[in-house]
Amino acid sequence: TQDDKIQGILYYEKIEETVKNKMDETEVTVEQFEECVKAGKCNSDNYLTAVTVEQFEECVKTNCTNNYSTMRINCNYGSIGKKKHPMNCVYYKGAEAYCKWKGKMLPTEEEWEYAAKGGEDFTYAGSNNPDEVAWYEKNSEETTHEVGTKKANGYGLYDMNGNVSEWTITPCLNFNDCYYIRGGAYLDSNISVLTHYDSILSKLLDYSNV
């Protein structure tokens, strides 16, 4: 109906406004997240800090828990030389707390996808060649990289594919305490703008991709 068409137009105008006015140009860096921690707004229960290989090996000797998993070695918070790298190893509540501190919100899946496409028709966010726009399995050398070092998409947004995945506020259909993450990460091979993942990572796992 005509009313449905009008509502649809208004809905996508709202998404466009959110993307253009509220979406950050880059992923949140370790340096930016540290400011939230210093302000007392990002609780240490909701993110993981890095451990050294030596600490991990010592932990293994004593049959430690997975709090010192191999994934935690790749966490950027506390790592030397990674202030400009994306913040990772963040649970859903940690990402939510950071956004609240900044006066923003995590995007919905639709908002994220609209932003990632950048008003263009590419397989990846800004190009049909993933190497131009993303750090992923084939070029990352198994580590994150400084944000904004690849080509931006049509909206001037960087790293919408690869480097680290992004949380959305869209809940999964078949699980509790589960939200979709988007974008793919430095260890992933499938990073197109249309790929989405179910994630129960808000409380249960240590993870360096998000």
Protein backbone atom coordinates (compact mmCIF):
# COMPACT_ATOMS: atom_id res chain seq x y z
CA THR A 1 0.00 0.00 0.00
CA GLN A 2 0.96 3.65 -0.23
CA ASP A 3 1.24 3.86 3.56
CA ASP A 4 3.61 0.88 3.59
CA LYS A 5 5.80 2.53 0.95
CA ILE A 6 5.91 5.76 2.96
CA GLN A 7 6.81 3.87 6.13
CA GLY A 8 9.53 2.00 4.23
CA ILE A 9 11.01 5.26 2.91
CA LEU A 10 10.97 6.83 6.37
CA TYR A 11 12.59 3.73 7.85
CA TYR A 12 15.51 3.78 5.43
CA GLU A 13 15.86 7.54 5.78
CA LYS A 14 16.30 6.95 9.51
CA ILE A 15 18.97 4.31 8.83
CA GLU A 16 20.75 6.68 6.45
CA GLU A 17 20.69 9.47 9.04
CA THR A 18 22.10 7.13 11.71
CA VAL A 19 24.90 5.93 9.46
CA LYS A 20 25.94 9.37 8.21
CA ASN A 21 25.71 11.19 11.53
CA LYS A 22 26.55 8.62 14.19
CA MET A 23 28.82 5.95 12.67
CA ASP A 24 32.52 6.36 13.51
CA GLU A 25 34.93 6.48 10.57
CA THR A 26 37.14 3.75 12.05
CA GLU A 27 36.87 0.90 14.48
CA VAL A 28 37.37 1.89 18.12
CA THR A 29 41.08 1.86 18.89
CA VAL A 30 42.80 0.59 22.02
CA GLU A 31 43.73 4.19 22.79
CA GLN A 32 40.11 5.33 22.60
CA PHE A 33 38.87 2.44 24.71
CA GLU A 34 41.50 3.18 27.35
CA GLU A 35 39.88 6.59 27.86
CA CYS A 36 36.59 4.85 28.69
CA VAL A 37 38.40 2.62 31.19
CA LYS A 38 40.12 5.63 32.79
CA ALA A 39 36.74 7.37 33.07
CA GLY A 40 35.41 4.36 34.99
CA LYS A 41 32.75 3.63 32.38
CA CYS A 42 34.21 0.45 30.82
CA ASN A 43 34.40 -2.34 33.36
CA SER A 44 37.32 -4.80 33.23
CA ASP A 45 34.86 -7.71 33.53
CA ASN A 46 33.71 -6.97 29.99
CA TYR A 47 36.99 -7.09 28.08
CA LEU A 48 40.22 -9.08 28.14
CA THR A 49 43.78 -7.84 28.38
CA ALA A 50 46.78 -9.30 26.63
CA VAL A 51 49.12 -11.85 28.14
CA THR A 52 52.60 -12.66 26.94
CA VAL A 53 53.61 -15.99 25.45
CA GLU A 54 55.69 -16.60 28.58
CA GLN A 55 52.68 -16.01 30.84
CA PHE A 56 50.60 -18.34 28.73
CA GLU A 57 53.23 -21.10 28.82
CA GLU A 58 53.54 -20.77 32.60
CA CYS A 59 49.77 -20.96 32.88
CA VAL A 60 49.63 -24.14 30.79
CA LYS A 61 52.15 -25.79 33.13
CA THR A 62 49.70 -25.33 36.01
CA ASN A 63 46.61 -26.47 34.03
CA CYS A 64 45.09 -22.98 34.14
CA THR A 65 41.64 -22.13 32.84
CA ASN A 66 40.91 -20.83 29.34
CA ASN A 67 41.18 -17.25 30.65
CA TYR A 68 44.74 -17.57 29.37
CA SER A 69 43.81 -19.17 26.06
CA THR A 70 45.80 -18.68 22.87
CA MET A 71 43.14 -16.20 21.80
CA ARG A 72 44.06 -13.97 24.75
CA ILE A 73 47.64 -13.70 23.51
CA ASN A 74 46.17 -11.84 20.53
CA CYS A 75 44.19 -9.34 22.62
CA ASN A 76 45.32 -5.77 21.90
CA TYR A 77 44.56 -4.07 25.22
CA GLY A 78 47.84 -3.98 27.11
CA SER A 79 49.95 -4.99 24.10
CA ILE A 80 52.99 -2.84 23.32
CA GLY A 81 52.70 -0.81 20.11
CA LYS A 82 48.99 -1.41 19.52
CA LYS A 83 47.42 1.87 20.67
CA LYS A 84 46.18 2.56 17.11
CA HIS A 85 44.98 -1.00 16.54
CA PRO A 86 41.29 -1.83 16.94
CA MET A 87 40.12 -2.76 20.41
CA ASN A 88 39.29 -6.47 20.47
CA CYS A 89 38.48 -9.20 22.99
CA VAL A 90 35.45 -7.15 24.05
CA TYR A 91 32.27 -8.78 25.24
CA TYR A 92 28.92 -7.41 24.10
CA LYS A 93 28.39 -5.54 27.37
CA GLY A 94 31.82 -3.93 27.02
CA ALA A 95 31.01 -2.65 23.54
CA GLU A 96 27.63 -1.44 24.77
CA ALA A 97 29.23 0.41 27.70
CA TYR A 98 31.72 2.17 25.44
CA CYS A 99 28.96 3.34 23.11
CA LYS A 100 26.87 4.60 26.04
CA TRP A 101 29.89 6.56 27.34
CA LYS A 102 30.23 8.19 23.90
CA GLY A 103 26.51 8.98 23.75
CA LYS A 104 25.95 6.49 20.96
CA MET A 105 24.54 3.01 20.35
CA LEU A 106 25.70 -0.13 18.62
CA PRO A 107 24.15 -0.42 15.15
CA THR A 108 21.47 -2.85 14.12
CA GLU A 109 22.43 -5.41 11.48
CA GLU A 110 20.59 -3.36 8.86
CA GLU A 111 22.37 -0.16 9.87
CA TRP A 112 25.73 -1.92 9.80
CA GLU A 113 25.08 -3.40 6.34
CA TYR A 114 23.87 -0.08 4.96
CA ALA A 115 27.03 1.58 6.29
CA ALA A 116 29.31 -1.16 4.98
CA LYS A 117 27.90 -0.98 1.45
CA GLY A 118 28.63 2.74 1.43
CA GLY A 119 26.07 3.47 -1.29
CA GLU A 120 28.04 1.25 -3.68
CA ASP A 121 27.57 -2.19 -5.23
CA PHE A 122 30.75 -4.05 -4.28
CA THR A 123 31.26 -7.46 -2.72
CA TYR A 124 33.38 -5.88 0.00
CA ALA A 125 33.08 -2.51 1.75
CA GLY A 126 34.52 -0.22 -0.92
CA SER A 127 35.87 -2.64 -3.51
CA ASN A 128 35.51 -6.00 -5.23
CA ASN A 129 39.12 -6.69 -4.22
CA PRO A 130 39.34 -7.53 -0.49
CA ASP A 131 43.05 -6.68 -0.35
CA GLU A 132 42.22 -3.02 -1.07
CA VAL A 133 39.88 -2.61 1.87
CA ALA A 134 40.46 -5.33 4.46
CA TRP A 135 42.96 -7.10 6.69
CA TYR A 136 41.87 -10.74 6.58
CA GLU A 137 43.21 -14.30 6.53
CA LYS A 138 45.28 -13.91 3.34
CA ASN A 139 47.10 -10.65 4.15
CA SER A 140 46.94 -10.01 7.91
CA GLU A 141 49.84 -12.28 8.96
CA GLU A 142 47.59 -13.39 11.84
CA THR A 143 47.46 -10.03 13.58
CA THR A 144 45.32 -6.90 13.61
CA HIS A 145 46.63 -3.69 12.01
CA GLU A 146 46.30 0.02 12.68
CA VAL A 147 42.84 1.29 11.79
CA GLY A 148 42.27 3.32 8.64
CA THR A 149 45.25 1.97 6.70
CA LYS A 150 43.15 0.42 3.94
CA LYS A 151 40.84 2.16 1.44
CA ALA A 152 37.59 3.65 2.79
CA ASN A 153 34.17 2.84 1.34
CA GLY A 154 31.79 5.30 -0.30
CA TYR A 155 30.75 6.78 3.06
CA GLY A 156 34.34 7.31 4.16
CA LEU A 157 34.25 4.37 6.60
CA TYR A 158 37.31 2.17 7.11
CA ASP A 159 37.74 -1.51 8.01
CA MET A 160 34.08 -2.38 7.66
CA ASN A 161 35.44 -5.71 6.46
CA GLY A 162 38.32 -7.42 8.19
CA ASN A 163 40.67 -6.34 11.02
CA VAL A 164 38.10 -7.10 13.75
CA SER A 165 34.40 -7.89 13.56
CA GLU A 166 31.78 -5.50 14.96
CA TRP A 167 28.98 -6.15 17.39
CA THR A 168 25.41 -5.27 16.45
CA ILE A 169 22.40 -4.96 18.75
CA THR A 170 20.42 -7.42 16.62
CA PRO A 171 19.74 -10.59 18.65
CA CYS A 172 20.20 -14.04 17.12
CA LEU A 173 17.03 -15.87 16.17
CA ASN A 174 17.65 -19.22 17.84
CA PHE A 175 19.80 -18.52 20.91
CA ASN A 176 19.62 -16.57 24.13
CA ASP A 177 22.35 -14.09 25.09
CA CYS A 178 23.43 -13.97 21.46
CA TYR A 179 23.93 -11.08 19.03
CA TYR A 180 25.03 -10.92 15.44
CA ILE A 181 28.52 -9.74 14.63
CA ARG A 182 29.45 -8.42 11.20
CA GLY A 183 32.41 -7.63 8.99
CA GLY A 184 34.74 -10.56 9.49
CA ALA A 185 38.18 -10.25 11.02
CA TYR A 186 41.89 -10.69 10.48
CA LEU A 187 41.69 -14.48 10.84
CA ASP A 188 38.62 -14.92 8.61
CA SER A 189 38.39 -15.79 4.93
CA ASN A 190 34.69 -15.00 4.41
CA ILE A 191 34.38 -11.24 4.94
CA SER A 192 31.84 -9.97 2.39
CA VAL A 193 29.38 -7.23 3.36
CA LEU A 194 26.55 -9.78 3.33
CA THR A 195 28.14 -12.32 5.67
CA HIS A 196 26.88 -12.44 9.23
CA TYR A 197 27.70 -14.61 12.19
CA ASP A 198 25.75 -15.80 15.23
CA SER A 199 27.72 -14.90 18.33
CA ILE A 200 27.21 -16.09 21.89
CA LEU A 201 30.42 -14.32 22.86
CA SER A 202 28.85 -11.77 25.17
CA LYS A 203 29.77 -13.79 28.27
CA LEU A 204 31.03 -17.23 27.43
CA LEU A 205 34.26 -17.08 25.44
CA ASP A 206 37.61 -15.33 25.14
CA TYR A 207 37.86 -14.08 21.57
CA SER A 208 40.30 -11.89 19.66
CA ASN A 209 38.23 -11.31 16.50
CA VAL A 210 35.64 -8.95 18.02
